[in-house]
Amino acid sequence: MLHHLVHSHYDLTVIVPVFNEEESLPRLYEALREYQRKCSVKVCFLVVNDGSEDRSLTIIKENSNALHGFFYISLVSRCGLTGALKAGFEHTQTKWAGYIDADLQTFPDDFELLLARRHEGDLICGIRARRSDSLSKRIQSRLANKIRNAITHDGMSDTNCPLKIIKSDLARSLPLFSGMHRFLPALTLLTGHKVVAVKVRHQQRYHGKSKFNFFNRAFSGACDLLAFIWMRSRYTAPVAGDNNLACAVPPKKQQ
């Protein structure tokens, strides 16, 4: 039923991964409803509960039952951010899929900046113009982006910005192993598609705590970078040339 509703009535599905965000959810739903009223396209929201251990799922269900255009799926076990995004992409049937974090450090209204450029590329990435994070976190992010960019050459100065839109068929085709959400621009370019970067706003987190720190970012990021290098070295994109498939005659039905 979810596939039918999303495919039939909307242009954009915004995916919101959630893990233990009960304090952030009331403010999140208020902001999403406000954006829904003024969005330039028909938008719906797909909240993905990634194994939350607090009251997040209860709040998500209550809002999904009460609000038009709000859907949810709850994963059987925690899969991490990439897994939650992958589940969202697999359940999205609109032409475009978006992504925003539940902590609202980016603004739903800024999807309009991305949508305005959707005719120029296949993945439209937000770039946080002025980070509201701590100095140490900004330094870590800048260093990580420089290292990643030196190897992937994706040209992105802020690949982890949690505000993006992507063509859904492309999103479903990408090899989204754990941690690969950091490489969406690089994977998109690798498959011959176009990436566009747009400056967006950023603000501090009001509720809850970040799920990432220096140690899990650095270690997992290094492993993911090695995985991407391997995938790039093994990537193949065969192009069919001469063939006679158009002349194929369907077999006659047996009596």
Protein backbone atom coordinates (compact mmCIF):
# COMPACT_ATOMS: atom_id res chain seq x y z
CA MET A 1 0.00 0.00 0.00
CA LEU A 2 2.90 2.33 0.73
CA HIS A 3 4.27 1.91 -2.80
CA HIS A 4 0.90 2.77 -4.35
CA LEU A 5 0.34 5.90 -2.26
CA VAL A 6 3.81 7.32 -2.76
CA HIS A 7 3.94 6.52 -6.47
CA SER A 8 0.50 7.79 -7.35
CA HIS A 9 0.21 11.13 -5.60
CA TYR A 10 3.63 12.71 -5.05
CA ASP A 11 6.69 14.03 -6.89
CA LEU A 12 9.23 13.92 -4.06
CA THR A 13 9.64 11.54 -1.13
CA VAL A 14 11.76 12.94 1.71
CA ILE A 15 13.38 10.14 3.72
CA VAL A 16 14.06 10.81 7.40
CA PRO A 17 16.20 8.19 9.20
CA VAL A 18 15.52 8.08 12.95
CA PHE A 19 17.44 6.48 15.79
CA ASN A 20 16.52 7.51 19.35
CA GLU A 21 15.25 11.00 18.49
CA GLU A 22 12.14 11.23 20.68
CA GLU A 23 13.09 14.72 21.88
CA SER A 24 13.62 16.02 18.34
CA LEU A 25 10.52 14.51 16.71
CA PRO A 26 7.82 17.05 17.76
CA ARG A 27 9.90 19.90 16.33
CA LEU A 28 10.72 17.80 13.26
CA TYR A 29 7.10 17.06 12.41
CA GLU A 30 6.14 20.71 12.89
CA ALA A 31 8.89 21.83 10.48
CA LEU A 32 8.04 19.15 7.90
CA ARG A 33 4.33 20.04 7.96
CA GLU A 34 5.17 23.70 7.49
CA TYR A 35 7.35 22.88 4.49
CA GLN A 36 4.70 20.54 3.05
CA ARG A 37 2.26 23.47 2.87
CA LYS A 38 4.56 25.61 0.71
CA CYS A 39 6.63 23.07 -1.22
CA SER A 40 6.78 23.77 -4.97
CA VAL A 41 6.09 20.10 -5.77
CA LYS A 42 3.88 17.44 -4.21
CA VAL A 43 5.95 16.10 -1.33
CA CYS A 44 5.51 13.25 1.14
CA PHE A 45 7.71 12.06 3.98
CA LEU A 46 8.94 8.56 4.74
CA VAL A 47 10.31 8.25 8.27
CA VAL A 48 12.55 5.21 8.74
CA ASN A 49 12.85 4.00 12.33
CA ASP A 50 16.29 2.42 12.58
CA GLY A 51 15.86 0.26 15.67
CA SER A 52 15.15 3.07 18.15
CA GLU A 53 15.15 2.06 21.81
CA ASP A 54 13.21 5.08 23.13
CA ARG A 55 9.67 6.30 22.28
CA SER A 56 10.58 7.33 18.75
CA LEU A 57 8.56 4.59 17.03
CA THR A 58 5.44 5.39 19.09
CA ILE A 59 5.65 9.07 18.14
CA ILE A 60 6.30 8.19 14.49
CA LYS A 61 3.25 5.92 14.34
CA GLU A 62 1.00 8.52 15.97
CA ASN A 63 2.00 11.19 13.46
CA SER A 64 1.86 8.86 10.45
CA ASN A 65 -1.70 7.87 11.36
CA ALA A 66 -2.81 11.46 11.93
CA LEU A 67 -1.08 13.39 9.13
CA HIS A 68 -1.66 13.27 5.38
CA GLY A 69 1.43 12.49 3.35
CA PHE A 70 3.44 11.03 6.25
CA PHE A 71 4.49 7.38 6.07
CA TYR A 72 6.87 5.21 8.05
CA ILE A 73 8.72 1.93 8.02
CA SER A 74 10.38 0.37 11.05
CA LEU A 75 13.45 -1.80 10.53
CA VAL A 76 13.56 -5.12 12.37
CA SER A 77 17.07 -4.38 13.63
CA ARG A 78 19.39 -1.40 13.52
CA CYS A 79 21.17 -1.00 10.18
CA GLY A 80 22.86 2.38 10.57
CA LEU A 81 22.34 5.53 8.52
CA THR A 82 23.21 3.98 5.16
CA GLY A 83 20.92 1.02 5.83
CA ALA A 84 18.04 3.30 6.80
CA LEU A 85 18.54 5.36 3.64
CA LYS A 86 18.71 2.23 1.50
CA ALA A 87 15.44 0.98 2.99
CA GLY A 88 13.88 4.36 2.24
CA PHE A 89 15.09 4.34 -1.36
CA GLU A 90 13.76 0.82 -1.88
CA HIS A 91 10.30 1.89 -0.70
CA THR A 92 10.20 5.12 -2.72
CA GLN A 93 8.41 5.17 -6.06
CA THR A 94 8.42 8.91 -6.78
CA LYS A 95 10.84 10.22 -9.40
CA TRP A 96 12.90 12.05 -6.77
CA ALA A 97 13.93 11.04 -3.26
CA GLY A 98 15.22 13.48 -0.67
CA TYR A 99 17.05 13.04 2.60
CA ILE A 100 17.17 15.08 5.80
CA ASP A 101 18.35 14.26 9.33
CA ALA A 102 15.83 14.15 12.16
CA ASP A 103 17.87 16.59 14.26
CA LEU A 104 16.91 19.48 11.91
CA GLN A 105 20.38 20.95 11.71
CA THR A 106 19.45 21.67 8.11
CA PHE A 107 16.21 23.40 7.07
CA PRO A 108 13.41 21.62 5.16
CA ASP A 109 12.70 24.89 3.32
CA ASP A 110 16.12 24.59 1.66
CA PHE A 111 14.86 21.64 -0.37
CA GLU A 112 13.51 24.41 -2.61
CA LEU A 113 17.10 25.43 -3.41
CA LEU A 114 17.85 21.86 -4.47
CA LEU A 115 14.63 21.40 -6.42
CA ALA A 116 15.37 24.56 -8.40
CA ARG A 117 18.52 22.84 -9.77
CA ARG A 118 17.04 19.38 -10.35
CA HIS A 119 17.06 19.81 -14.14
CA GLU A 120 20.85 20.18 -14.05
CA GLY A 121 21.82 16.85 -12.49
CA ASP A 122 20.89 13.47 -11.06
CA LEU A 123 22.09 14.12 -7.49
CA ILE A 124 21.68 17.60 -5.99
CA CYS A 125 23.74 17.98 -2.82
CA GLY A 126 23.42 20.60 -0.11
CA ILE A 127 26.68 22.19 1.04
CA ARG A 128 26.58 23.74 4.50
CA ALA A 129 27.75 27.31 3.89
CA ARG A 130 28.24 28.24 7.55
CA ARG A 131 28.64 25.32 9.94
CA SER A 132 27.13 25.74 13.42
CA ASP A 133 29.10 22.84 14.87
CA SER A 134 31.92 23.10 17.41
CA LEU A 135 35.37 24.14 16.22
CA SER A 136 36.80 20.65 16.74
CA LYS A 137 33.98 19.06 14.73
CA ARG A 138 34.47 21.56 11.88
CA ILE A 139 38.20 20.82 11.79
CA GLN A 140 37.57 17.05 11.76
CA SER A 141 35.03 17.40 8.95
CA ARG A 142 37.28 19.66 6.87
CA LEU A 143 40.21 17.26 7.21
CA ALA A 144 38.07 14.23 6.36
CA ASN A 145 36.63 15.96 3.29
CA LYS A 146 40.10 16.93 2.04
CA ILE A 147 41.39 13.36 2.38
CA ARG A 148 38.30 11.87 0.76
CA ASN A 149 38.28 14.40 -2.07
CA ALA A 150 41.97 13.83 -2.80
CA ILE A 151 41.17 10.18 -3.51
CA THR A 152 37.64 10.23 -4.94
CA HIS A 153 37.98 13.52 -6.89
CA ASP A 154 34.24 14.12 -6.48
CA GLY A 155 34.73 17.87 -5.98
CA MET A 156 32.50 17.94 -2.89
CA SER A 157 33.59 20.09 0.05
CA ASP A 158 30.84 18.74 2.33
CA THR A 159 29.74 15.27 1.31
CA ASN A 160 28.11 14.60 4.72
CA CYS A 161 25.60 17.43 4.50
CA PRO A 162 22.25 15.81 5.44
CA LEU A 163 20.24 17.56 2.72
CA LYS A 164 20.13 15.96 -0.72
CA ILE A 165 17.76 14.99 -3.51
CA ILE A 166 18.50 12.18 -5.95
CA LYS A 167 16.67 10.45 -8.78
CA SER A 168 15.11 7.41 -7.16
CA ASP A 169 16.07 4.92 -9.86
CA LEU A 170 19.69 6.02 -9.51
CA ALA A 171 19.57 5.76 -5.71
CA ARG A 172 18.26 2.20 -5.89
CA SER A 173 21.02 1.20 -8.33
CA LEU A 174 23.96 2.40 -6.20
CA PRO A 175 25.92 -0.13 -4.06
CA LEU A 176 24.95 1.26 -0.66
CA PHE A 177 26.94 -0.86 1.75
CA SER A 178 27.29 0.33 5.34
CA GLY A 179 28.93 3.77 5.43
CA MET A 180 28.53 4.41 1.71
CA HIS A 181 26.16 7.35 2.27
CA ARG A 182 29.36 9.43 2.56
CA PHE A 183 30.20 8.50 -1.02
CA LEU A 184 26.91 9.27 -2.77
CA PRO A 185 28.52 11.99 -4.95
CA ALA A 186 31.53 9.80 -5.81
CA LEU A 187 29.34 6.78 -6.60
CA THR A 188 27.04 8.94 -8.72
CA LEU A 189 29.98 10.25 -10.76
CA LEU A 190 31.45 6.75 -11.03
CA THR A 191 28.25 5.51 -12.70
CA GLY A 192 28.33 8.33 -15.25
CA HIS A 193 25.70 10.60 -13.69
CA LYS A 194 25.88 14.28 -12.82
CA VAL A 195 26.22 15.91 -9.39
CA VAL A 196 25.28 19.50 -8.55
CA ALA A 197 26.23 21.29 -5.30
CA VAL A 198 24.07 24.01 -3.71
CA LYS A 199 24.80 26.08 -0.60
CA VAL A 200 22.27 25.58 2.22
CA ARG A 201 21.86 26.81 5.79
CA HIS A 202 22.93 25.02 8.95
CA GLN A 203 22.06 25.37 12.62
CA GLN A 204 22.94 23.76 15.93
CA ARG A 205 21.18 20.68 17.26
CA TYR A 206 18.49 21.62 19.80
CA HIS A 207 17.68 18.18 21.23
CA GLY A 208 19.39 14.84 21.66
CA LYS A 209 23.01 13.94 20.97
CA SER A 210 24.96 13.29 17.79
CA LYS A 211 25.42 9.61 16.94
CA PHE A 212 28.89 10.28 15.53
CA ASN A 213 32.20 11.20 17.15
CA PHE A 214 35.82 11.46 16.08
CA PHE A 215 36.61 7.79 16.66
CA ASN A 216 33.67 6.20 14.83
CA ARG A 217 33.94 8.75 12.01
CA ALA A 218 37.69 8.34 11.54
CA PHE A 219 37.87 4.54 11.72
CA SER A 220 34.75 3.76 9.71
CA GLY A 221 35.55 6.55 7.24
CA ALA A 222 39.01 5.09 6.54
CA CYS A 223 37.55 1.61 6.00
CA ASP A 224 34.83 2.97 3.73
CA LEU A 225 37.40 4.89 1.69
CA LEU A 226 39.36 1.69 1.10
CA ALA A 227 36.14 -0.06 0.07
CA PHE A 228 35.36 2.71 -2.42
CA ILE A 229 38.88 2.50 -3.91
CA TRP A 230 38.35 -1.23 -4.45
CA MET A 231 34.91 -0.72 -6.02
CA ARG A 232 36.24 1.97 -8.35
CA SER A 233 39.07 -0.28 -9.50
CA ARG A 234 36.63 -3.12 -10.25
CA TYR A 235 33.77 -1.06 -11.70
CA THR A 236 32.68 -1.99 -15.22
CA ALA A 237 30.04 -0.41 -17.45
CA PRO A 238 29.59 -2.52 -20.62
CA VAL A 239 27.87 -0.83 -23.56
CA ALA A 240 26.08 -3.05 -26.08
CA GLY A 241 26.89 -2.41 -29.73
CA ASP A 242 25.65 -4.39 -32.71
CA ASN A 243 22.75 -6.73 -31.95
CA ASN A 244 19.58 -8.16 -33.45
CA LEU A 245 17.34 -8.00 -30.39
CA ALA A 246 14.88 -5.63 -32.11
CA CYS A 247 14.24 -8.30 -34.75
CA ALA A 248 13.52 -11.07 -32.28
CA VAL A 249 10.24 -12.86 -32.98
CA PRO A 250 8.31 -14.02 -29.90
CA PRO A 251 7.85 -17.80 -29.80
CA LYS A 252 4.49 -19.22 -30.68
CA LYS A 253 2.37 -20.46 -27.83
CA GLN A 254 2.23 -24.21 -27.57
CA GLN A 255 -1.21 -25.70 -28.07
